[in-house]
Protein backbone atom coordinates (compact mmCIF):
# COMPACT_ATOMS: atom_id res chain seq x y z
CA MET A 1 11.00 -0.34 0.69
CA LYS A 2 8.35 1.66 2.07
CA GLY A 3 10.18 4.34 0.57
CA LEU A 4 10.02 2.45 -2.80
CA ARG A 5 6.25 2.40 -2.20
CA ARG A 6 5.09 6.02 -1.33
CA ILE A 7 7.35 6.63 -4.84
CA ALA A 8 5.28 4.62 -6.50
CA LEU A 9 2.14 5.93 -5.30
CA ALA A 10 3.34 9.46 -5.52
CA LEU A 11 4.81 8.34 -9.76
CA GLY A 12 0.97 6.12 -9.46
CA ALA A 13 -1.22 9.75 -8.34
CA ALA A 14 0.88 11.86 -10.79
CA ALA A 15 -0.14 9.91 -14.04
CA LEU A 16 -3.59 9.46 -12.73
CA LEU A 17 -3.30 13.07 -12.06
CA ALA A 18 -1.99 13.85 -15.91
CA LEU A 19 -4.96 11.26 -17.04
CA GLY A 20 -7.92 12.88 -15.44
CA ALA A 21 -6.68 16.51 -16.00
CA ALA A 22 -6.79 15.41 -19.97
CA THR A 23 -9.36 13.54 -19.51
CA ALA A 24 -11.86 16.38 -17.82
CA LEU A 25 -10.12 19.06 -20.15
CA ALA A 26 -11.35 16.73 -23.39
CA THR A 27 -15.24 16.59 -21.91
CA PRO A 28 -17.66 18.45 -23.05
CA ALA A 29 -19.47 20.76 -20.40
CA SER A 30 -23.07 19.49 -20.67
CA ALA A 31 -21.46 15.63 -20.18
CA ALA A 32 -22.74 13.44 -17.11
CA ALA A 33 -20.24 12.98 -14.40
CA ILE A 34 -18.15 9.51 -15.05
CA VAL A 35 -17.72 7.60 -11.92
CA THR A 36 -14.86 4.41 -11.03
CA ILE A 37 -14.42 2.63 -8.41
CA ASP A 38 -11.95 0.44 -8.15
CA TYR A 39 -9.54 -2.24 -6.43
CA GLY A 40 -6.03 -4.48 -6.01
CA THR A 41 -4.69 -6.47 -3.70
CA THR A 42 -0.69 -7.41 -3.53
CA SER A 43 1.38 -9.19 -1.75
CA SER A 44 4.99 -9.53 -1.14
CA SER A 45 7.80 -10.56 1.38
CA ASP A 46 11.63 -9.00 1.19
CA PRO A 47 14.04 -12.46 0.53
CA GLY A 48 16.98 -10.04 0.68
CA GLU A 49 18.38 -8.65 4.27
CA PRO A 50 17.03 -10.36 7.04
CA LEU A 51 15.38 -7.52 8.92
CA ILE A 52 16.66 -6.62 12.43
CA ASP A 53 14.60 -6.09 15.45
CA ASP A 54 15.62 -2.76 17.25
CA CYS A 55 14.84 -3.67 20.40
CA ARG A 56 16.17 -7.60 20.41
CA PRO A 57 19.38 -6.93 17.92
CA GLU A 58 20.56 -10.88 18.18
CA LEU A 59 17.09 -11.50 16.30
CA THR A 60 16.49 -11.10 12.79
CA GLY A 61 13.16 -11.92 10.73
CA THR A 62 11.76 -12.28 7.18
CA ILE A 63 8.66 -10.60 6.24
CA PHE A 64 5.19 -11.47 4.68
CA GLY A 65 2.86 -8.77 3.45
CA THR A 66 -0.09 -8.46 1.79
CA GLY A 67 -2.22 -5.52 0.51
CA GLU A 68 -5.44 -3.68 -0.86
CA PHE A 69 -5.85 -0.17 -2.31
CA ARG A 70 -9.31 0.87 -3.35
CA TYR A 71 -9.96 4.20 -5.06
CA GLU A 72 -13.16 6.09 -6.85
CA THR A 73 -12.52 8.30 -9.65
CA VAL A 74 -15.29 11.33 -10.46
CA GLU A 75 -15.08 13.30 -13.33
CA THR A 76 -16.73 16.09 -14.24
CA SER A 77 -16.46 18.90 -16.78
CA GLU A 78 -15.15 20.81 -13.79
CA GLY A 79 -11.92 18.74 -13.11
CA PHE A 80 -11.42 15.18 -12.22
CA HIS A 81 -11.07 13.73 -8.38
CA PHE A 82 -9.44 11.00 -7.09
CA ASN A 83 -10.44 9.47 -3.20
CA GLY A 84 -8.18 6.30 -2.29
CA THR A 85 -7.63 3.57 0.53
CA GLU A 86 -4.30 1.87 0.97
CA THR A 87 -5.01 -0.75 3.50
CA GLY A 88 -2.19 -4.13 4.61
CA THR A 89 -1.22 -6.11 6.43
CA ALA A 90 1.67 -7.98 7.59
CA ARG A 91 3.79 -10.31 10.02
CA ILE A 92 7.31 -10.97 10.87
CA ASP A 93 8.83 -14.37 11.91
CA TRP A 94 11.89 -13.57 13.79
CA SER A 95 14.43 -16.61 14.31
CA ASP A 96 13.51 -16.99 18.24
CA GLY A 97 9.92 -18.04 16.74
CA SER A 98 8.29 -14.22 18.10
CA TYR A 99 6.45 -12.56 15.70
CA SER A 100 4.64 -9.45 15.01
CA LEU A 101 1.97 -8.50 13.16
CA ILE A 102 1.62 -5.53 11.26
CA LYS A 103 -1.66 -3.17 10.21
CA VAL A 104 -1.46 -0.07 7.70
CA LYS A 105 -3.37 2.32 6.88
CA ASP A 106 -3.46 5.55 4.28
CA HIS A 107 -6.24 7.84 2.75
CA TYR A 108 -5.87 10.53 0.42
CA SER A 109 -7.95 12.37 -1.37
CA PHE A 110 -7.30 14.75 -4.30
CA ASN A 111 -8.53 17.23 -6.91
CA ALA A 112 -7.64 17.75 -10.97
CA GLY A 113 -7.75 18.97 -14.32
CA ASN A 114 -9.65 21.33 -16.17
CA GLY A 115 -7.16 24.50 -15.51
CA ILE A 116 -5.59 23.21 -11.75
CA LYS A 117 -1.44 23.20 -12.39
CA ALA A 118 -1.02 22.22 -8.99
CA VAL A 119 -2.07 19.75 -7.29
CA VAL A 120 -1.78 19.05 -3.37
CA PHE A 121 -3.27 16.06 -1.62
CA THR A 122 -1.65 14.99 2.41
CA LEU A 123 -1.94 11.64 2.79
CA PRO A 124 -2.24 10.37 6.83
CA HIS A 125 -0.32 7.42 7.44
CA VAL A 126 -0.89 4.60 10.72
CA ASP A 127 1.82 1.91 11.42
CA THR A 128 0.77 -0.42 14.27
CA VAL A 129 2.66 -3.49 15.19
CA THR A 130 1.96 -5.79 17.57
CA ASN A 131 4.47 -8.37 19.07
CA TYR A 132 4.26 -12.04 20.54
CA THR A 133 6.23 -14.60 22.09
CA ALA A 134 6.32 -17.95 19.95
CA ASP A 135 3.68 -19.00 22.57
CA GLY A 136 1.07 -16.44 21.59
CA GLU A 137 1.82 -14.06 24.41
CA PHE A 138 1.69 -10.33 24.41
CA LEU A 139 5.02 -7.97 24.46
CA SER A 140 4.37 -5.13 23.23
CA ARG A 141 2.13 -2.69 20.52
CA SER A 142 3.79 0.32 18.91
CA SER A 143 2.47 2.96 16.86
CA LEU A 144 3.56 5.41 13.71
CA HIS A 145 1.12 8.33 13.27
CA HIS A 146 2.73 10.89 10.73
CA ILE A 147 1.26 13.04 7.90
CA GLU A 148 3.01 13.39 4.01
CA HIS A 149 2.05 15.83 2.16
CA PHE A 150 2.28 15.47 -1.84
CA THR A 151 2.66 18.53 -4.13
CA VAL A 152 2.69 17.54 -7.93
CA ILE A 153 3.56 20.53 -10.39
CA ASN A 154 4.42 19.77 -13.97
CA GLY A 155 4.69 15.95 -13.10
CA VAL A 156 7.16 16.62 -10.70
CA VAL A 157 6.38 15.40 -7.19
CA ARG A 158 7.55 16.59 -3.85
CA VAL A 159 6.93 14.92 -0.83
CA ASP A 160 7.08 16.59 3.12
CA PHE A 161 6.62 14.79 6.30
CA ASP A 162 4.81 16.49 8.80
CA ARG A 163 3.72 15.13 12.59
CA PHE A 164 4.95 12.42 13.57
CA HIS A 165 3.91 10.64 16.64
CA PHE A 166 5.28 7.57 17.40
CA VAL A 167 3.76 5.60 20.80
CA GLY A 168 4.59 2.31 22.72
CA GLY A 169 8.50 0.58 22.35
CA CYS A 170 10.47 -1.53 24.02
């Protein structure tokens, strides 16, 4: 599911790049900058296969989460700049009554348009999972930090993963 979200994000970014490139090329040199600020929210659950806890394989769980996407674009005769942040929270309820609280954060920024043929941007990503007993007592905390490098050339998206760093465990 997370991989699909990343692909959708990359394709969305590619579409924004195309829109930004077209707009930037069509903007007269004397035009003022056009600034757009927007946000959106989502919520989801996974009714498919139950989740398995790698630290406690006898447990299964269900997940529900929400997310928020905020972005700012600036279009000028020089090109198009995109700056965005995605944050999210989720909860996994485990079959023994324990639960996990999840926080996610991504930030990205890139330029396009006005003759730029390839767009490259870096996406630092952080996932934090805190696990609690059914009574709310702290069990453990884990964090995953990694960096993704996106390259878009002629509408083709390539993603390279770099700097995986995992902290915590069972």
